């Protein structure tokens, strides 16, 4: 049995050697040398571009609101413009501001009139020519126009500053 195994091993080695020695060798084919051209170097820009599909969203969104209402008379920007802080974006009609100013002037006249009445009534009250009730009736009229005038003055200040809407 040992002889049979040795015989098989010798036959396998013989077949392997026969195939190895009788194999045709293939040689690589010769290729032509590559053609190279030489260019004179020059300065230029290298441009790369990529086409993408998507949605562009801004990094920051700022919502602005005017301090007073009114009609917009001018829009100084377009969609997509880059704005700087303080740049006037929108101009608002100041007709409402003029109405408030007129109202403020009327309140001022009313306050001065009430002060004049109070100045006339004070000596009359002190001399006893008018009652305390009549004198007290003139005092609230003096404080009411003063409050109204202060309120209108603050509205006018806000309105004048808000005739334009600047970028934050």
Foldseek 3Di string as FASTA:
>chain_A
DVVVVVVVVVVVVVVVVVCVVPDDDDDDDDDDDDDDDDDDDDDDDDDDDDDDDDDDDDPDDDDDDFPDDAAWDDADDDPPDDADFFAFGTFGDCPVLVVLVVVLVVLVVQLVVLVVVLVVVVVCVVVPVDDPVVNVVSVVSNVVSVVVNVVSVVVSVSSVVRSTTGDD
